[in-house]
Protein backbone atom coordinates (compact mmCIF):
# COMPACT_ATOMS: atom_id res chain seq x y z
CA MET A 1 -6.26 14.57 31.61
CA SER A 2 -2.84 16.53 30.48
CA LEU A 3 -3.11 18.79 27.06
CA GLY A 4 -0.82 16.07 25.60
CA GLN A 5 -3.04 13.32 26.51
CA GLN A 6 -5.78 15.07 25.07
CA LEU A 7 -4.44 16.06 21.74
CA ALA A 8 -2.71 12.47 21.11
CA PRO A 9 -5.51 10.68 19.55
CA HIS A 10 -5.83 13.74 17.07
CA LEU A 11 -2.63 13.73 15.67
CA PRO A 12 -2.94 11.30 13.03
CA PHE A 13 -5.75 13.05 11.55
CA LEU A 14 -3.95 16.23 11.47
CA ARG A 15 -0.97 14.53 9.77
CA ARG A 16 -3.67 13.29 7.26
CA TYR A 17 -5.06 16.88 6.48
CA GLY A 18 -1.81 18.66 6.53
CA ARG A 19 -0.36 16.01 3.91
CA ALA A 20 -3.17 16.57 2.00
CA LEU A 21 -3.12 20.34 1.81
CA THR A 22 0.48 19.79 0.97
CA GLY A 23 0.33 16.66 -1.28
CA SER A 24 3.79 15.65 0.84
CA GLN A 25 4.04 13.66 3.75
CA GLN A 26 7.18 15.34 4.48
CA GLN A 27 5.86 18.69 4.20
CA GLY A 28 2.44 17.98 5.94
CA ASP A 29 4.22 16.30 8.50
CA LYS A 30 6.53 19.14 9.27
CA TYR A 31 3.60 21.35 10.12
CA VAL A 32 2.28 19.19 12.41
CA ARG A 33 5.69 19.13 14.23
CA ALA A 34 5.64 22.74 14.08
CA THR A 35 2.20 23.01 15.17
CA LEU A 36 3.07 20.52 18.36
CA GLU A 37 6.21 22.71 19.11
CA ALA A 38 4.49 25.96 19.19
CA ILE A 39 1.64 24.44 21.57
CA VAL A 40 4.75 23.48 24.14
CA ALA A 41 6.48 26.60 23.62
CA ALA A 42 3.30 28.60 24.79
CA PRO A 43 0.51 26.12 26.21
CA ASP A 44 -1.27 29.37 27.15
CA GLN A 45 -1.57 30.31 23.37
CA PHE A 46 -3.53 27.15 22.82
CA PRO A 47 -7.78 27.80 22.45
CA SER A 48 -8.86 26.72 25.88
CA ASP A 49 -12.89 27.68 24.93
CA VAL A 50 -13.16 24.97 22.23
CA ASP A 51 -13.20 21.18 21.95
CA PRO A 52 -9.48 20.13 22.00
CA ARG A 53 -9.44 18.59 18.45
CA LEU A 54 -10.91 22.11 17.32
CA GLY A 55 -7.77 23.94 19.16
CA LEU A 56 -5.17 21.60 17.61
CA TYR A 57 -6.35 22.31 14.01
CA ARG A 58 -6.78 26.04 14.80
CA MET A 59 -3.06 26.25 16.18
CA PHE A 60 -2.45 24.55 12.85
CA GLN A 61 -4.00 26.74 10.83
CA GLY A 62 -2.25 29.60 12.44
CA ILE A 63 1.57 28.19 12.07
CA TRP A 64 -0.15 27.59 7.99
CA ASN A 65 -1.07 30.89 7.67
CA SER A 66 2.25 32.30 9.24
CA ALA A 67 4.90 30.39 7.32
CA ASN A 68 6.76 31.12 4.85
CA PHE A 69 4.78 30.22 1.70
CA ASP A 70 4.68 32.15 -1.74
CA GLU A 71 2.26 33.99 -3.37
CA THR A 72 0.39 30.48 -4.22
CA GLY A 73 0.68 28.62 -0.96
CA ALA A 74 2.15 25.40 -2.52
CA GLU A 75 5.48 24.85 -1.30
CA PRO A 76 7.84 26.72 1.50
CA VAL A 77 9.80 29.49 -0.14
CA GLY A 78 13.39 28.13 -0.70
CA ASP A 79 12.30 24.41 -0.63
CA THR A 80 14.56 22.25 -3.40
CA GLY A 81 14.11 19.29 -5.62
CA THR A 82 10.65 19.61 -6.45
CA GLY A 83 10.85 20.58 -9.91
CA ASN A 84 7.81 20.32 -12.22
CA HIS A 85 6.17 18.91 -9.45
CA GLU A 86 5.96 22.48 -7.87
CA ALA A 87 5.58 24.63 -11.24
CA THR A 88 2.21 22.25 -11.91
CA ALA A 89 1.03 22.97 -8.34
CA ARG A 90 1.59 26.17 -8.33
CA ALA A 91 -0.31 26.72 -11.74
CA ARG A 92 -2.85 24.99 -10.28
CA LEU A 93 -2.97 27.04 -7.22
CA SER A 94 -3.80 29.91 -9.29
CA LYS A 95 -7.26 29.07 -10.36
CA ILE A 96 -7.91 27.91 -6.73
CA THR A 97 -7.23 29.56 -3.70
CA PRO A 98 -5.64 27.90 -0.65
CA LEU A 99 -8.47 29.06 1.49
CA SER A 100 -10.84 27.11 -0.90
CA ARG A 101 -8.47 23.99 -0.61
CA GLN A 102 -8.78 24.42 3.51
CA ALA A 103 -12.38 24.70 3.31
CA LEU A 104 -12.86 21.70 1.39
CA LEU A 105 -10.73 19.56 2.96
CA LEU A 106 -11.89 20.38 6.45
CA THR A 107 -15.24 19.62 5.77
CA ALA A 108 -15.18 16.46 2.97
CA MET A 109 -12.44 14.86 4.39
CA GLU A 110 -11.70 15.92 8.29
CA GLY A 111 -15.58 15.76 8.91
CA PHE A 112 -15.38 19.54 10.49
CA THR A 113 -19.20 20.96 10.40
CA PRO A 114 -19.60 24.37 8.42
CA GLU A 115 -19.53 26.17 11.75
CA ASP A 116 -16.15 24.86 13.07
CA ALA A 117 -14.22 24.81 9.72
CA ALA A 118 -15.25 28.34 9.34
CA TYR A 119 -14.00 29.18 12.88
CA LEU A 120 -10.97 27.33 11.69
CA VAL A 121 -10.46 29.49 8.35
CA GLU A 122 -11.92 32.63 10.33
CA VAL A 123 -14.41 33.21 7.93
CA ASP A 124 -18.21 33.08 8.47
CA SER A 125 -20.56 30.11 7.88
CA ASP A 126 -22.26 31.31 4.52
CA GLU A 127 -18.59 32.24 3.32
CA LEU A 128 -17.00 29.02 4.35
CA GLU A 129 -20.00 27.18 2.05
CA THR A 130 -19.50 29.67 -0.75
CA LEU A 131 -15.77 28.43 -0.69
CA VAL A 132 -16.53 24.88 -0.89
CA SER A 133 -18.90 25.47 -3.54
CA ASP A 134 -16.09 27.41 -5.53
CA ALA A 135 -13.43 24.71 -4.71
CA LEU A 136 -15.61 21.92 -5.89
CA LYS A 137 -16.63 23.64 -9.29
CA GLU A 138 -12.98 24.71 -9.84
CA ILE A 139 -11.71 21.18 -9.31
CA GLU A 140 -13.94 19.13 -11.41
CA GLN A 141 -13.41 21.34 -14.43
CA GLN A 142 -9.72 21.44 -13.69
CA THR A 143 -8.85 17.68 -13.69
CA HIS A 144 -9.50 14.19 -15.06
CA ALA A 145 -7.83 10.78 -14.95
CA ARG A 146 -7.59 7.07 -15.66
CA VAL A 147 -8.26 5.29 -12.39
CA LEU A 148 -7.13 2.20 -11.57
CA ILE A 149 -9.19 0.40 -8.21
CA ILE A 150 -7.75 -2.09 -5.94
CA GLU A 151 -10.57 -3.44 -3.43
CA ASP A 152 -11.48 -7.06 -2.93
CA GLU A 153 -14.99 -6.08 -1.70
CA PRO A 154 -17.25 -6.07 -4.67
CA ILE A 155 -20.09 -3.69 -3.18
CA ILE A 156 -17.14 -1.12 -1.83
CA ALA A 157 -15.51 -1.65 -5.32
CA MET A 158 -18.71 -0.80 -7.20
CA ASP A 159 -19.63 2.14 -5.12
CA ILE A 160 -16.13 3.50 -6.00
CA GLU A 161 -16.13 3.07 -9.56
CA THR A 162 -19.58 4.36 -9.30
CA ILE A 163 -18.14 7.47 -7.85
CA VAL A 164 -15.13 7.72 -10.08
CA ARG A 165 -17.24 7.60 -13.13
CA ASP A 166 -19.79 10.07 -12.08
CA LEU A 167 -16.73 12.74 -11.08
CA GLY A 168 -15.78 12.35 -14.85
CA HIS A 169 -12.98 10.07 -14.50
CA ASP A 170 -12.32 6.72 -16.39
CA VAL A 171 -11.59 3.55 -14.75
CA THR A 172 -8.83 1.44 -16.37
CA GLY A 173 -9.75 -1.81 -14.29
CA VAL A 174 -10.90 -3.20 -10.60
CA ALA A 175 -8.18 -5.49 -8.67
CA VAL A 176 -8.56 -7.70 -5.83
CA THR A 177 -5.48 -9.07 -5.48
CA ARG A 178 -1.76 -7.88 -5.43
CA ASP A 179 -0.51 -9.85 -8.56
CA GLU A 180 -3.89 -8.53 -10.08
CA ALA A 181 -3.24 -5.21 -9.38
CA VAL A 182 0.22 -4.96 -10.73
CA ALA A 183 -0.80 -6.79 -13.85
CA LEU A 184 -3.40 -4.30 -15.04
CA ALA A 185 -1.41 -1.42 -14.28
CA MET A 186 1.24 -3.01 -16.41
CA GLU A 187 -1.50 -3.57 -19.26
CA ASP A 188 -3.01 -0.15 -18.84
CA ARG A 189 -1.32 2.62 -16.91
CA PRO A 190 -3.59 4.46 -14.66
CA GLY A 191 -3.22 8.10 -13.31
CA LEU A 192 -4.29 7.55 -10.21
CA VAL A 193 -4.82 4.26 -7.66
CA LEU A 194 -7.24 3.84 -5.02
CA ALA A 195 -6.19 1.21 -3.04
CA ASP A 196 -7.59 -0.77 -0.27
CA ILE A 197 -4.94 -2.29 1.95
CA GLN A 198 -6.26 -5.80 2.91
CA LEU A 199 -6.71 -7.87 -0.12
CA ALA A 200 -8.68 -10.86 -1.24
CA ASP A 201 -5.72 -13.77 -1.31
CA ASP A 202 -4.39 -11.89 2.36
CA SER A 203 -2.03 -9.52 -0.06
CA SER A 204 -1.55 -6.53 0.62
CA GLY A 205 -2.53 -3.22 -1.28
CA ILE A 206 0.56 -1.72 -0.04
CA ASP A 207 3.03 -4.06 -1.45
CA ALA A 208 0.90 -4.00 -4.83
CA VAL A 209 1.48 -0.36 -4.83
CA LYS A 210 4.77 -0.68 -4.11
CA ASP A 211 5.03 -2.80 -6.87
CA ILE A 212 3.11 -0.23 -9.16
CA LEU A 213 5.72 2.65 -7.78
CA ALA A 214 8.64 0.57 -8.70
CA GLU A 215 7.68 0.59 -12.37
CA PHE A 216 6.17 4.28 -13.05
CA ALA A 217 5.09 7.26 -10.86
CA VAL A 218 1.41 7.60 -10.08
CA PRO A 219 -0.15 9.39 -7.01
CA VAL A 220 -1.97 6.60 -4.72
CA ILE A 221 -5.06 7.23 -2.41
CA PHE A 222 -4.90 4.49 0.38
CA ILE A 223 -8.26 3.18 1.71
CA THR A 224 -8.53 1.65 5.25
CA ALA A 225 -10.60 1.19 8.14
CA PHE A 226 -7.73 1.78 10.38
CA PRO A 227 -5.80 5.21 8.98
CA GLU A 228 -4.01 6.13 12.21
CA ARG A 229 -1.92 3.07 11.43
CA LEU A 230 -0.72 4.93 8.35
CA LEU A 231 -0.54 8.65 9.99
CA THR A 232 2.05 7.45 12.76
CA GLY A 233 4.92 10.07 10.97
CA GLU A 234 7.61 7.83 11.82
CA ARG A 235 8.11 6.23 8.76
CA PRO A 236 7.36 6.49 4.62
CA GLU A 237 3.58 6.70 4.76
CA PRO A 238 0.70 7.53 2.62
CA THR A 239 -0.02 11.42 1.75
CA PHE A 240 -3.86 10.80 0.78
CA LEU A 241 -6.08 8.20 2.72
CA ILE A 242 -9.55 7.61 2.73
CA THR A 243 -11.44 6.12 6.08
CA LYS A 244 -13.83 3.47 5.83
CA PRO A 245 -16.42 3.59 5.78
CA PHE A 246 -16.59 6.56 3.68
CA GLN A 247 -18.56 9.36 2.45
CA ARG A 248 -18.91 10.39 -1.36
CA SER A 249 -17.61 13.62 -0.36
CA THR A 250 -14.58 12.88 1.17
CA VAL A 251 -13.59 10.36 -2.18
CA LYS A 252 -14.39 13.44 -4.03
CA ALA A 253 -12.00 15.58 -1.82
CA ALA A 254 -9.26 12.93 -1.90
CA ILE A 255 -9.27 12.39 -5.68
CA ALA A 256 -9.07 16.12 -6.29
CA GLN A 257 -6.45 16.36 -4.09
CA ALA A 258 -4.15 13.60 -5.34
CA LEU A 259 -4.88 14.78 -9.09
CA PHE A 260 -4.19 18.47 -8.00
CA PHE A 261 -0.54 17.83 -7.18
CA ASP A 262 0.10 15.20 -10.36
CA GLN A 263 1.93 16.73 -12.47
CA ASN A 264 0.63 14.38 -15.32
CA THR A 265 -3.08 15.06 -14.84
CA LEU A 266 -4.49 16.57 -18.26
CA PRO A 267 -7.08 19.57 -18.45
CA ALA A 268 -10.66 18.27 -18.28
CA ASP A 269 -10.93 19.77 -21.75
CA ALA A 270 -7.83 18.20 -23.26
């Protein structure tokens, strides 16, 4: 099997990581493309002593670390059109280091073991655990939001609601259909939306989110059992994505990262 064939199944999830790390589909996908270009240009540089997935992420980390970032690691220097969004990201990144965020996302969202994540960010395992702990503490202290949940499975909806409330956020409502989701969003504007893809009446959570975003801007995290369908890099796709079945730590990391880049998020002590 060629290297390309070995790497292909892992590309959607590398896009998920890149998007979550940058807070942008466009920027995240850009670094994935740069990673692939680097592999094609110098295949002998690809780590051959580790699992292909681990090697792929290691190559991505190399591109990320060598890219033209400013001191905050928010967006590439010279990138225009980000406005207050970029300013907010920079302010928050000054309180939590990019390395901590990488450690959190690699373990909680991408499912790497602490040992593998330590290899990827080039620290020892003890330091990796400290980075993750520090990231969670900083994020929990930094942000809170009012959250709309769009989920038609009662048990899953209850689970998500419990996680959201335990993290210190408020729940504005739980919708099970597209129309109900839009109505709830218009009645009480949320600061974050967690949306399933397939809803109770065969309507779409994606369509519900499109309707909501047509009225006002809000960060969105999609929840799906088929994440690869929304991580192709071929069209406008979600920046933040949780895979079913999910772990509490995954939801926590996704919420924290989505709010991290949202300019309307209030400090926790506001």
